[in-house]
Amino acid sequence: MHDPECIFCKIVEGEIPSTKVFENEHVYAFEDLNPMMPVHTLIVPRNHYRNIADGIPDDEMAHLMQAVGEVARLKGVAESGFRVVINTNDDACQTVHHVHVHVLGGAQMNDGNPSL
């Protein structure tokens, strides 16, 4: 599944350049263009789903979540700590409607709500 209008689908397909952090046959992880922390990596499934409530098959969700640990290790924040955020729809500030996971870290965080 691919949405020809979706910017993240275009990134996954290589139509738009990105700074790749990790990829496998299920997910693609790349650096956020407007990082909120020293480490701010996005992980997207290769298949297009609008958001986390869009009926993502369990095995695809598992691959998405398994990539979080790999990205945290690659970015050097697995031991020091990191935050995982998934925004869903407009009220939660989801700006690209292709489900994606934010992996944030690399500095001390406050306990407030991130505005990602």
PDB file of N, CA and C in Angstrom:
ATOM      1  N   MET A   1       0.843  -1.176   0.000  1.00  0.00           N
ATOM      2  CA  MET A   1       0.000   0.000   0.000  1.00  0.00           C
ATOM      3  C   MET A   1       0.888   1.240   0.000  1.00  0.00           C
ATOM      4  N   HIS A   2       0.592   2.127  -0.888  1.00  0.00           N
ATOM      5  CA  HIS A   2       1.373   3.344  -1.068  1.00  0.00           C
ATOM      6  C   HIS A   2       0.405   4.458  -1.445  1.00  0.00           C
ATOM      7  N   ASP A   3       0.545   5.603  -0.801  1.00  0.00           N
ATOM      8  CA  ASP A   3      -0.266   6.767  -1.157  1.00  0.00           C
ATOM      9  C   ASP A   3       0.622   7.714  -1.958  1.00  0.00           C
ATOM     10  N   PRO A   4       0.338   7.904  -3.238  1.00  0.00           N
ATOM     11  CA  PRO A   4       1.215   8.729  -4.072  1.00  0.00           C
ATOM     12  C   PRO A   4       1.290  10.193  -3.649  1.00  0.00           C
ATOM     13  N   GLU A   5       0.380  10.645  -2.795  1.00  0.00           N
ATOM     14  CA  GLU A   5       0.392  12.028  -2.307  1.00  0.00           C
ATOM     15  C   GLU A   5       1.098  12.173  -0.959  1.00  0.00           C
ATOM     16  N   CYS A   6       1.439  11.072  -0.313  1.00  0.00           N
ATOM     17  CA  CYS A   6       1.992  11.085   1.050  1.00  0.00           C
ATOM     18  C   CYS A   6       3.501  11.330   1.018  1.00  0.00           C
ATOM     19  N   ILE A   7       3.948  12.336   1.753  1.00  0.00           N
ATOM     20  CA  ILE A   7       5.371  12.674   1.792  1.00  0.00           C
ATOM     21  C   ILE A   7       6.198  11.531   2.385  1.00  0.00           C
ATOM     22  N   PHE A   8       5.671  10.820   3.393  1.00  0.00           N
ATOM     23  CA  PHE A   8       6.437   9.719   3.984  1.00  0.00           C
ATOM     24  C   PHE A   8       6.501   8.526   3.027  1.00  0.00           C
ATOM     25  N   CYS A   9       5.446   8.282   2.260  1.00  0.00           N
ATOM     26  CA  CYS A   9       5.512   7.231   1.233  1.00  0.00           C
ATOM     27  C   CYS A   9       6.578   7.582   0.205  1.00  0.00           C
ATOM     28  N   LYS A  10       6.665   8.857  -0.147  1.00  0.00           N
ATOM     29  CA  LYS A  10       7.679   9.297  -1.113  1.00  0.00           C
ATOM     30  C   LYS A  10       9.086   9.140  -0.540  1.00  0.00           C
ATOM     31  N   ILE A  11       9.247   9.382   0.755  1.00  0.00           N
ATOM     32  CA  ILE A  11      10.550   9.182   1.400  1.00  0.00           C
ATOM     33  C   ILE A  11      10.907   7.702   1.403  1.00  0.00           C
ATOM     34  N   VAL A  12       9.961   6.851   1.775  1.00  0.00           N
ATOM     35  CA  VAL A  12      10.195   5.404   1.786  1.00  0.00           C
ATOM     36  C   VAL A  12      10.588   4.907   0.395  1.00  0.00           C
ATOM     37  N   GLU A  13       9.955   5.443  -0.638  1.00  0.00           N
ATOM     38  CA  GLU A  13      10.224   5.025  -2.019  1.00  0.00           C
ATOM     39  C   GLU A  13      11.501   5.651  -2.593  1.00  0.00           C
ATOM     40  N   GLY A  14      12.119   6.574  -1.846  1.00  0.00           N
ATOM     41  CA  GLY A  14      13.332   7.228  -2.323  1.00  0.00           C
ATOM     42  C   GLY A  14      13.077   8.383  -3.267  1.00  0.00           C
ATOM     43  N   GLU A  15      11.821   8.797  -3.410  1.00  0.00           N
ATOM     44  CA  GLU A  15      11.477   9.925  -4.278  1.00  0.00           C
ATOM     45  C   GLU A  15      11.862  11.262  -3.641  1.00  0.00           C
ATOM     46  N   ILE A  16      11.903  11.293  -2.317  1.00  0.00           N
ATOM     47  CA  ILE A  16      12.328  12.471  -1.565  1.00  0.00           C
ATOM     48  C   ILE A  16      13.517  12.043  -0.712  1.00  0.00           C
ATOM     49  N   PRO A  17      14.616  12.784  -0.746  1.00  0.00           N
ATOM     50  CA  PRO A  17      15.794  12.378   0.032  1.00  0.00           C
ATOM     51  C   PRO A  17      15.549  12.486   1.543  1.00  0.00           C
ATOM     52  N   SER A  18      16.240  11.639   2.274  1.00  0.00           N
ATOM     53  CA  SER A  18      16.180  11.658   3.735  1.00  0.00           C
ATOM     54  C   SER A  18      17.512  11.155   4.265  1.00  0.00           C
ATOM     55  N   THR A  19      17.729  11.378   5.554  1.00  0.00           N
ATOM     56  CA  THR A  19      18.914  10.843   6.211  1.00  0.00           C
ATOM     57  C   THR A  19      18.506   9.548   6.904  1.00  0.00           C
ATOM     58  N   LYS A  20      18.818   8.439   6.266  1.00  0.00           N
ATOM     59  CA  LYS A  20      18.413   7.126   6.769  1.00  0.00           C
ATOM     60  C   LYS A  20      19.183   6.777   8.038  1.00  0.00           C
ATOM     61  N   VAL A  21      18.455   6.229   9.004  1.00  0.00           N
ATOM     62  CA  VAL A  21      19.042   5.725  10.236  1.00  0.00           C
ATOM     63  C   VAL A  21      19.002   4.199  10.252  1.00  0.00           C
ATOM     64  N   PHE A  22      17.901   3.642   9.772  1.00  0.00           N
ATOM     65  CA  PHE A  22      17.694   2.194   9.810  1.00  0.00           C
ATOM     66  C   PHE A  22      16.620   1.839   8.800  1.00  0.00           C
ATOM     67  N   GLU A  23      16.734   0.648   8.234  1.00  0.00           N
ATOM     68  CA  GLU A  23      15.649   0.144   7.404  1.00  0.00           C
ATOM     69  C   GLU A  23      15.696  -1.369   7.354  1.00  0.00           C
ATOM     70  N   ASN A  24      14.544  -1.946   7.149  1.00  0.00           N
ATOM     71  CA  ASN A  24      14.433  -3.356   6.836  1.00  0.00           C
ATOM     72  C   ASN A  24      13.237  -3.508   5.909  1.00  0.00           C
ATOM     73  N   GLU A  25      12.788  -4.717   5.681  1.00  0.00           N
ATOM     74  CA  GLU A  25      11.695  -4.906   4.722  1.00  0.00           C
ATOM     75  C   GLU A  25      10.353  -4.393   5.227  1.00  0.00           C
ATOM     76  N   HIS A  26      10.261  -4.030   6.518  1.00  0.00           N
ATOM     77  CA  HIS A  26       8.996  -3.607   7.108  1.00  0.00           C
ATOM     78  C   HIS A  26       8.916  -2.120   7.433  1.00  0.00           C
ATOM     79  N   VAL A  27      10.057  -1.513   7.805  1.00  0.00           N
ATOM     80  CA  VAL A  27      10.061  -0.125   8.273  1.00  0.00           C
ATOM     81  C   VAL A  27      11.217   0.649   7.666  1.00  0.00           C
ATOM     82  N   TYR A  28      11.089   1.961   7.751  1.00  0.00           N
ATOM     83  CA  TYR A  28      12.160   2.869   7.332  1.00  0.00           C
ATOM     84  C   TYR A  28      12.265   3.940   8.411  1.00  0.00           C
ATOM     85  N   ALA A  29      13.467   4.188   8.916  1.00  0.00           N
ATOM     86  CA  ALA A  29      13.695   5.194   9.953  1.00  0.00           C
ATOM     87  C   ALA A  29      14.631   6.260   9.409  1.00  0.00           C
ATOM     88  N   PHE A  30      14.301   7.520   9.688  1.00  0.00           N
ATOM     89  CA  PHE A  30      15.088   8.631   9.166  1.00  0.00           C
ATOM     90  C   PHE A  30      15.038   9.804  10.138  1.00  0.00           C
ATOM     91  N   GLU A  31      16.002  10.710   9.977  1.00  0.00           N
ATOM     92  CA  GLU A  31      16.090  11.878  10.853  1.00  0.00           C
ATOM     93  C   GLU A  31      14.962  12.868  10.568  1.00  0.00           C
ATOM     94  N   ASP A  32      14.379  13.402  11.639  1.00  0.00           N
ATOM     95  CA  ASP A  32      13.363  14.443  11.501  1.00  0.00           C
ATOM     96  C   ASP A  32      14.033  15.714  10.986  1.00  0.00           C
ATOM     97  N   LEU A  33      13.396  16.393  10.048  1.00  0.00           N
ATOM     98  CA  LEU A  33      13.972  17.628   9.489  1.00  0.00           C
ATOM     99  C   LEU A  33      13.938  18.797  10.463  1.00  0.00           C
ATOM    100  N   ASN A  34      13.047  18.748  11.447  1.00  0.00           N
ATOM    101  CA  ASN A  34      12.935  19.799  12.457  1.00  0.00           C
ATOM    102  C   ASN A  34      13.027  19.174  13.840  1.00  0.00           C
ATOM    103  N   PRO A  35      14.227  18.743  14.225  1.00  0.00           N
ATOM    104  CA  PRO A  35      14.361  17.992  15.477  1.00  0.00           C
ATOM    105  C   PRO A  35      14.018  18.818  16.714  1.00  0.00           C
ATOM    106  N   MET A  36      13.346  18.152  17.645  1.00  0.00           N
ATOM    107  CA  MET A  36      12.977  18.753  18.921  1.00  0.00           C
ATOM    108  C   MET A  36      13.990  18.423  20.023  1.00  0.00           C
ATOM    109  N   MET A  37      14.858  17.446  19.740  1.00  0.00           N
ATOM    110  CA  MET A  37      15.888  16.990  20.674  1.00  0.00           C
ATOM    111  C   MET A  37      17.133  16.662  19.850  1.00  0.00           C
ATOM    112  N   PRO A  38      18.288  16.490  20.517  1.00  0.00           N
ATOM    113  CA  PRO A  38      19.483  16.093  19.763  1.00  0.00           C
ATOM    114  C   PRO A  38      19.270  14.810  18.946  1.00  0.00           C
ATOM    115  N   VAL A  39      18.511  13.867  19.485  1.00  0.00           N
ATOM    116  CA  VAL A  39      18.095  12.681  18.738  1.00  0.00           C
ATOM    117  C   VAL A  39      16.603  12.809  18.472  1.00  0.00           C
ATOM    118  N   HIS A  40      16.239  12.831  17.210  1.00  0.00           N
ATOM    119  CA  HIS A  40      14.822  12.889  16.821  1.00  0.00           C
ATOM    120  C   HIS A  40      14.695  12.146  15.492  1.00  0.00           C
ATOM    121  N   THR A  41      14.385  10.867  15.628  1.00  0.00           N
ATOM    122  CA  THR A  41      14.283   9.976  14.483  1.00  0.00           C
ATOM    123  C   THR A  41      12.841   9.530  14.325  1.00  0.00           C
ATOM    124  N   LEU A  42      12.382   9.468  13.088  1.00  0.00           N
ATOM    125  CA  LEU A  42      11.038   8.986  12.775  1.00  0.00           C
ATOM    126  C   LEU A  42      11.133   7.581  12.214  1.00  0.00           C
ATOM    127  N   ILE A  43      10.221   6.731  12.633  1.00  0.00           N
ATOM    128  CA  ILE A  43      10.127   5.374  12.102  1.00  0.00           C
ATOM    129  C   ILE A  43       8.754   5.231  11.472  1.00  0.00           C
ATOM    130  N   VAL A  44       8.727   4.809  10.209  1.00  0.00           N
ATOM    131  CA  VAL A  44       7.464   4.640   9.495  1.00  0.00           C
ATOM    132  C   VAL A  44       7.377   3.226   8.928  1.00  0.00           C
ATOM    133  N   PRO A  45       6.172   2.665   8.904  1.00  0.00           N
ATOM    134  CA  PRO A  45       6.016   1.405   8.187  1.00  0.00           C
ATOM    135  C   PRO A  45       6.111   1.663   6.688  1.00  0.00           C
ATOM    136  N   ARG A  46       6.593   0.699   5.959  1.00  0.00           N
ATOM    137  CA  ARG A  46       6.684   0.854   4.503  1.00  0.00           C
ATOM    138  C   ARG A  46       5.299   0.933   3.868  1.00  0.00           C
ATOM    139  N   ASN A  47       4.328   0.276   4.464  1.00  0.00           N
ATOM    140  CA  ASN A  47       2.952   0.381   3.985  1.00  0.00           C
ATOM    141  C   ASN A  47       2.302   1.622   4.577  1.00  0.00           C
ATOM    142  N   HIS A  48       1.392   2.206   3.830  1.00  0.00           N
ATOM    143  CA  HIS A  48       0.730   3.439   4.267  1.00  0.00           C
ATOM    144  C   HIS A  48      -0.477   3.134   5.140  1.00  0.00           C
ATOM    145  N   TYR A  49      -0.458   3.694   6.342  1.00  0.00           N
ATOM    146  CA  TYR A  49      -1.607   3.727   7.251  1.00  0.00           C
ATOM    147  C   TYR A  49      -1.697   5.159   7.737  1.00  0.00           C
ATOM    148  N   ARG A  50      -2.886   5.717   7.773  1.00  0.00           N
ATOM    149  CA  ARG A  50      -3.056   7.124   8.149  1.00  0.00           C
ATOM    150  C   ARG A  50      -2.636   7.396   9.588  1.00  0.00           C
ATOM    151  N   ASN A  51      -2.949   6.505  10.499  1.00  0.00           N
ATOM    152  CA  ASN A  51      -2.608   6.709  11.903  1.00  0.00           C
ATOM    153  C   ASN A  51      -2.643   5.370  12.620  1.00  0.00           C
ATOM    154  N   ILE A  52      -2.345   5.392  13.901  1.00  0.00           N
ATOM    155  CA  ILE A  52      -2.234   4.154  14.672  1.00  0.00           C
ATOM    156  C   ILE A  52      -3.582   3.442  14.823  1.00  0.00           C
ATOM    157  N   ALA A  53      -4.677   4.147  14.599  1.00  0.00           N
ATOM    158  CA  ALA A  53      -6.018   3.562  14.713  1.00  0.00           C
ATOM    159  C   ALA A  53      -6.563   3.099  13.358  1.00  0.00           C
ATOM    160  N   ASP A  54      -5.700   3.000  12.360  1.00  0.00           N
ATOM    161  CA  ASP A  54      -6.116   2.714  10.986  1.00  0.00           C
ATOM    162  C   ASP A  54      -6.093   1.223  10.651  1.00  0.00           C
ATOM    163  N   GLY A  55      -6.250   0.352  11.648  1.00  0.00           N
ATOM    164  CA  GLY A  55      -6.316  -1.079  11.387  1.00  0.00           C
ATOM    165  C   GLY A  55      -5.000  -1.693  10.953  1.00  0.00           C
ATOM    166  N   ILE A  56      -3.920  -1.260  11.555  1.00  0.00           N
ATOM    167  CA  ILE A  56      -2.598  -1.810  11.227  1.00  0.00           C
ATOM    168  C   ILE A  56      -2.546  -3.266  11.698  1.00  0.00           C
ATOM    169  N   PRO A  57      -2.176  -4.192  10.836  1.00  0.00           N
ATOM    170  CA  PRO A  57      -2.066  -5.593  11.264  1.00  0.00           C
ATOM    171  C   PRO A  57      -1.062  -5.745  12.418  1.00  0.00           C
ATOM    172  N   ASP A  58      -1.344  -6.676  13.297  1.00  0.00           N
ATOM    173  CA  ASP A  58      -0.504  -6.879  14.481  1.00  0.00           C
ATOM    174  C   ASP A  58       0.965  -7.089  14.129  1.00  0.00           C
ATOM    175  N   ASP A  59       1.237  -7.875  13.084  1.00  0.00           N
ATOM    176  CA  ASP A  59       2.641  -8.141  12.752  1.00  0.00           C
ATOM    177  C   ASP A  59       3.348  -6.871  12.282  1.00  0.00           C
ATOM    178  N   GLU A  60       2.642  -5.991  11.577  1.00  0.00           N
ATOM    179  CA  GLU A  60       3.264  -4.728  11.149  1.00  0.00           C
ATOM    180  C   GLU A  60       3.504  -3.804  12.343  1.00  0.00           C
ATOM    181  N   MET A  61       2.572  -3.782  13.309  1.00  0.00           N
ATOM    182  CA  MET A  61       2.774  -2.983  14.524  1.00  0.00           C
ATOM    183  C   MET A  61       3.976  -3.520  15.294  1.00  0.00           C
ATOM    184  N   ALA A  62       4.101  -4.830  15.344  1.00  0.00           N
ATOM    185  CA  ALA A  62       5.237  -5.432  16.056  1.00  0.00           C
ATOM    186  C   ALA A  62       6.556  -5.014  15.410  1.00  0.00           C
ATOM    187  N   HIS A  63       6.622  -5.028  14.089  1.00  0.00           N
ATOM    188  CA  HIS A  63       7.851  -4.606  13.401  1.00  0.00           C
ATOM    189  C   HIS A  63       8.151  -3.134  13.671  1.00  0.00           C
ATOM    190  N   LEU A  64       7.125  -2.313  13.698  1.00  0.00           N
ATOM    191  CA  LEU A  64       7.301  -0.888  13.975  1.00  0.00           C
ATOM    192  C   LEU A  64       7.874  -0.686  15.383  1.00  0.00           C
ATOM    193  N   MET A  65       7.317  -1.388  16.359  1.00  0.00           N
ATOM    194  CA  MET A  65       7.779  -1.242  17.743  1.00  0.00           C
ATOM    195  C   MET A  65       9.157  -1.872  17.938  1.00  0.00           C
ATOM    196  N   GLN A  66       9.445  -2.970  17.258  1.00  0.00           N
ATOM    197  CA  GLN A  66      10.772  -3.588  17.371  1.00  0.00           C
ATOM    198  C   GLN A  66      11.849  -2.662  16.835  1.00  0.00           C
ATOM    199  N   ALA A  67      11.521  -1.863  15.857  1.00  0.00           N
ATOM    200  CA  ALA A  67      12.497  -0.931  15.289  1.00  0.00           C
ATOM    201  C   ALA A  67      12.874   0.167  16.277  1.00  0.00           C
ATOM    202  N   VAL A  68      11.997   0.458  17.236  1.00  0.00           N
ATOM    203  CA  VAL A  68      12.295   1.506  18.223  1.00  0.00           C
ATOM    204  C   VAL A  68      13.581   1.196  18.969  1.00  0.00           C
ATOM    205  N   GLY A  69      13.711  -0.021  19.478  1.00  0.00           N
ATOM    206  CA  GLY A  69      14.920  -0.402  20.211  1.00  0.00           C
ATOM    207  C   GLY A  69      16.160  -0.350  19.339  1.00  0.00           C
ATOM    208  N   GLU A  70      16.038  -0.783  18.105  1.00  0.00           N
ATOM    209  CA  GLU A  70      17.182  -0.754  17.187  1.00  0.00           C
ATOM    210  C   GLU A  70      17.620   0.681  16.919  1.00  0.00           C
ATOM    211  N   VAL A  71      16.665   1.566  16.678  1.00  0.00           N
ATOM    212  CA  VAL A  71      16.987   2.973  16.436  1.00  0.00           C
ATOM    213  C   VAL A  71      17.622   3.590  17.679  1.00  0.00           C
ATOM    214  N   ALA A  72      17.076   3.294  18.848  1.00  0.00           N
ATOM    215  CA  ALA A  72      17.647   3.832  20.092  1.00  0.00           C
ATOM    216  C   ALA A  72      19.093   3.377  20.263  1.00  0.00           C
ATOM    217  N   ARG A  73      19.380   2.125  19.958  1.00  0.00           N
ATOM    218  CA  ARG A  73      20.768   1.624  20.045  1.00  0.00           C
ATOM    219  C   ARG A  73      21.662   2.332  19.023  1.00  0.00           C
ATOM    220  N   LEU A  74      21.189   2.415  17.779  1.00  0.00           N
ATOM    221  CA  LEU A  74      21.992   3.057  16.731  1.00  0.00           C
ATOM    222  C   LEU A  74      22.281   4.525  17.034  1.00  0.00           C
ATOM    223  N   LYS A  75      21.331   5.203  17.666  1.00  0.00           N
ATOM    224  CA  LYS A  75      21.480   6.631  17.974  1.00  0.00           C
ATOM    225  C   LYS A  75      22.160   6.869  19.326  1.00  0.00           C
ATOM    226  N   GLY A  76      22.477   5.801  20.061  1.00  0.00           N
ATOM    227  CA  GLY A  76      23.218   5.931  21.307  1.00  0.00           C
ATOM    228  C   GLY A  76      22.413   6.382  22.507  1.00  0.00           C
ATOM    229  N   VAL A  77      21.100   6.184  22.478  1.00  0.00           N
ATOM    230  CA  VAL A  77      20.263   6.619  23.606  1.00  0.00           C
ATOM    231  C   VAL A  77      19.588   5.460  24.333  1.00  0.00           C
ATOM    232  N   ALA A  78      19.877   4.229  23.938  1.00  0.00           N
ATOM    233  CA  ALA A  78      19.211   3.081  24.551  1.00  0.00           C
ATOM    234  C   ALA A  78      19.483   2.993  26.047  1.00  0.00           C
ATOM    235  N   GLU A  79      20.692   3.325  26.468  1.00  0.00           N
ATOM    236  CA  GLU A  79      21.053   3.227  27.883  1.00  0.00           C
ATOM    237  C   GLU A  79      20.692   4.488  28.661  1.00  0.00           C
ATOM    238  N   SER A  80      20.872   5.652  28.067  1.00  0.00           N
ATOM    239  CA  SER A  80      20.622   6.907  28.785  1.00  0.00           C
ATOM    240  C   SER A  80      19.145   7.236  28.890  1.00  0.00           C
ATOM    241  N   GLY A  81      18.362   6.777  27.947  1.00  0.00           N
ATOM    242  CA  GLY A  81      16.925   7.004  27.982  1.00  0.00           C
ATOM    243  C   GLY A  81      16.438   7.739  26.757  1.00  0.00           C
ATOM    244  N   PHE A  82      15.195   7.472  26.405  1.00  0.00           N
ATOM    245  CA  PHE A  82      14.582   8.101  25.242  1.00  0.00           C
ATOM    246  C   PHE A  82      13.073   8.090  25.423  1.00  0.00           C
ATOM    247  N   ARG A  83      12.412   8.878  24.628  1.00  0.00           N
ATOM    248  CA  ARG A  83      10.951   8.968  24.641  1.00  0.00           C
ATOM    249  C   ARG A  83      10.426   8.499  23.298  1.00  0.00           C
ATOM    250  N   VAL A  84       9.283   7.822  23.317  1.00  0.00           N
ATOM    251  CA  VAL A  84       8.608   7.354  22.112  1.00  0.00           C
ATOM    252  C   VAL A  84       7.242   8.020  22.057  1.00  0.00           C
ATOM    253  N   VAL A  85       6.958   8.667  20.928  1.00  0.00           N
ATOM    254  CA  VAL A  85       5.696   9.396  20.776  1.00  0.00           C
ATOM    255  C   VAL A  85       5.045   9.008  19.454  1.00  0.00           C
ATOM    256  N   ILE A  86       3.736   8.766  19.507  1.00  0.00           N
ATOM    257  CA  ILE A  86       2.939   8.552  18.296  1.00  0.00           C
ATOM    258  C   ILE A  86       1.750   9.495  18.375  1.00  0.00           C
ATOM    259  N   ASN A  87       1.739  10.503  17.526  1.00  0.00           N
ATOM    260  CA  ASN A  87       0.615  11.436  17.460  1.00  0.00           C
ATOM    261  C   ASN A  87      -0.453  10.849  16.541  1.00  0.00           C
ATOM    262  N   THR A  88      -1.717  11.082  16.900  1.00  0.00           N
ATOM    263  CA  THR A  88      -2.812  10.523  16.113  1.00  0.00           C
ATOM    264  C   THR A  88      -3.847  11.599  15.805  1.00  0.00           C
ATOM    265  N   ASN A  89      -3.907  11.963  14.547  1.00  0.00           N
ATOM    266  CA  ASN A  89      -4.862  12.932  13.995  1.00  0.00           C
ATOM    267  C   ASN A  89      -4.548  14.373  14.388  1.00  0.00           C
ATOM    268  N   ASP A  90      -5.333  15.280  13.865  1.00  0.00           N
ATOM    269  CA  ASP A  90      -5.031  16.707  13.944  1.00  0.00           C
ATOM    270  C   ASP A  90      -4.971  17.257  15.366  1.00  0.00           C
ATOM    271  N   ASP A  91      -5.910  16.878  16.237  1.00  0.00           N
ATOM    272  CA  ASP A  91      -5.905  17.422  17.602  1.00  0.00           C
ATOM    273  C   ASP A  91      -4.650  17.032  18.377  1.00  0.00           C
ATOM    274  N   ALA A  92      -3.995  15.969  17.967  1.00  0.00           N
ATOM    275  CA  ALA A  92      -2.761  15.530  18.614  1.00  0.00           C
ATOM    276  C   ALA A  92      -1.523  15.996  17.844  1.00  0.00           C
ATOM    277  N   CYS A  93      -1.723  16.904  16.886  1.00  0.00           N
ATOM    278  CA  CYS A  93      -0.628  17.492  16.110  1.00  0.00           C
ATOM    279  C   CYS A  93       0.054  16.509  15.162  1.00  0.00           C
ATOM    280  N   GLN A  94      -0.691  15.544  14.635  1.00  0.00           N
ATOM    281  CA  GLN A  94      -0.127  14.679  13.594  1.00  0.00           C
ATOM    282  C   GLN A  94      -0.147  15.488  12.309  1.00  0.00           C
ATOM    283  N   THR A  95       1.027  15.879  11.839  1.00  0.00           N
ATOM    284  CA  THR A  95       1.103  16.755  10.669  1.00  0.00           C
ATOM    285  C   THR A  95       1.235  15.989   9.359  1.00  0.00           C
ATOM    286  N   VAL A  96       1.770  14.769   9.415  1.00  0.00           N
ATOM    287  CA  VAL A  96       1.828  13.912   8.234  1.00  0.00           C
ATOM    288  C   VAL A  96       0.968  12.698   8.545  1.00  0.00           C
ATOM    289  N   HIS A  97      -0.032  12.465   7.732  1.00  0.00           N
ATOM    290  CA  HIS A  97      -0.989  11.395   8.005  1.00  0.00           C
ATOM    291  C   HIS A  97      -0.542  10.070   7.389  1.00  0.00           C
ATOM    292  N   HIS A  98       0.605   9.633   7.873  1.00  0.00           N
ATOM    293  CA  HIS A  98       1.172   8.299   7.657  1.00  0.00           C
ATOM    294  C   HIS A  98       1.703   7.952   9.044  1.00  0.00           C
ATOM    295  N   VAL A  99       1.194   6.888   9.652  1.00  0.00           N
ATOM    296  CA  VAL A  99       1.591   6.587  11.026  1.00  0.00           C
ATOM    297  C   VAL A  99       3.113   6.616  11.143  1.00  0.00           C
ATOM    298  N   HIS A 100       3.603   7.247  12.218  1.00  0.00           N
ATOM    299  CA  HIS A 100       5.037   7.313  12.447  1.00  0.00           C
ATOM    300  C   HIS A 100       5.327   7.427  13.936  1.00  0.00           C
ATOM    301  N   VAL A 101       6.471   6.890  14.307  1.00  0.00           N
ATOM    302  CA  VAL A 101       6.923   6.895  15.692  1.00  0.00           C
ATOM    303  C   VAL A 101       8.077   7.874  15.795  1.00  0.00           C
ATOM    304  N   HIS A 102       7.998   8.774  16.771  1.00  0.00           N
ATOM    305  CA  HIS A 102       9.109   9.678  17.081  1.00  0.00           C
ATOM    306  C   HIS A 102       9.956   9.014  18.159  1.00  0.00           C
ATOM    307  N   VAL A 103      11.250   8.914  17.938  1.00  0.00           N
ATOM    308  CA  VAL A 103      12.199   8.465  18.959  1.00  0.00           C
ATOM    309  C   VAL A 103      13.039   9.684  19.303  1.00  0.00           C
ATOM    310  N   LEU A 104      12.917  10.128  20.573  1.00  0.00           N
ATOM    311  CA  LEU A 104      13.558  11.362  21.019  1.00  0.00           C
ATOM    312  C   LEU A 104      14.509  11.081  22.173  1.00  0.00           C
ATOM    313  N   GLY A 105      15.643  11.756  22.167  1.00  0.00           N
ATOM    314  CA  GLY A 105      16.579  11.596  23.270  1.00  0.00           C
ATOM    315  C   GLY A 105      17.815  12.437  23.064  1.00  0.00           C
ATOM    316  N   GLY A 106      18.842  12.099  23.826  1.00  0.00           N
ATOM    317  CA  GLY A 106      20.110  12.797  23.703  1.00  0.00           C
ATOM    318  C   GLY A 106      20.276  13.967  24.641  1.00  0.00           C
ATOM    319  N   ALA A 107      19.284  14.239  25.485  1.00  0.00           N
ATOM    320  CA  ALA A 107      19.355  15.320  26.474  1.00  0.00           C
ATOM    321  C   ALA A 107      18.298  15.055  27.542  1.00  0.00           C
ATOM    322  N   GLN A 108      18.477  15.684  28.679  1.00  0.00           N
ATOM    323  CA  GLN A 108      17.495  15.566  29.752  1.00  0.00           C
ATOM    324  C   GLN A 108      16.162  16.143  29.299  1.00  0.00           C
ATOM    325  N   MET A 109      15.087  15.433  29.565  1.00  0.00           N
ATOM    326  CA  MET A 109      13.734  15.894  29.200  1.00  0.00           C
ATOM    327  C   MET A 109      12.985  16.305  30.449  1.00  0.00           C
ATOM    328  N   ASN A 110      12.011  17.182  30.244  1.00  0.00           N
ATOM    329  CA  ASN A 110      11.124  17.499  31.362  1.00  0.00           C
ATOM    330  C   ASN A 110       9.978  16.492  31.346  1.00  0.00           C
ATOM    331  N   ASP A 111       9.128  16.544  32.343  1.00  0.00           N
ATOM    332  CA  ASP A 111       8.029  15.590  32.400  1.00  0.00           C
ATOM    333  C   ASP A 111       6.739  16.154  31.816  1.00  0.00           C
ATOM    334  N   GLY A 112       6.849  17.268  31.103  1.00  0.00           N
ATOM    335  CA  GLY A 112       5.681  17.863  30.476  1.00  0.00           C
ATOM    336  C   GLY A 112       5.295  17.150  29.199  1.00  0.00           C
ATOM    337  N   ASN A 113       4.266  17.625  28.585  1.00  0.00           N
ATOM    338  CA  ASN A 113       3.791  17.035  27.333  1.00  0.00           C
ATOM    339  C   ASN A 113       4.572  17.612  26.170  1.00  0.00           C
ATOM    340  N   PRO A 114       5.205  16.758  25.385  1.00  0.00           N
ATOM    341  CA  PRO A 114       5.920  17.269  24.210  1.00  0.00           C
ATOM    342  C   PRO A 114       4.926  17.723  23.155  1.00  0.00           C
ATOM    343  N   SER A 115       5.278  18.770  22.445  1.00  0.00           N
ATOM    344  CA  SER A 115       4.414  19.236  21.361  1.00  0.00           C
ATOM    345  C   SER A 115       5.076  18.874  20.041  1.00  0.00           C
ATOM    346  N   LEU A 116       4.914  17.621  19.655  1.00  0.00           N
ATOM    347  CA  LEU A 116       5.540  17.124  18.430  1.00  0.00           C
ATOM    348  C   LEU A 116       4.537  17.082  17.322  1.00  0.00           C
TER     349      LEU A 116
END
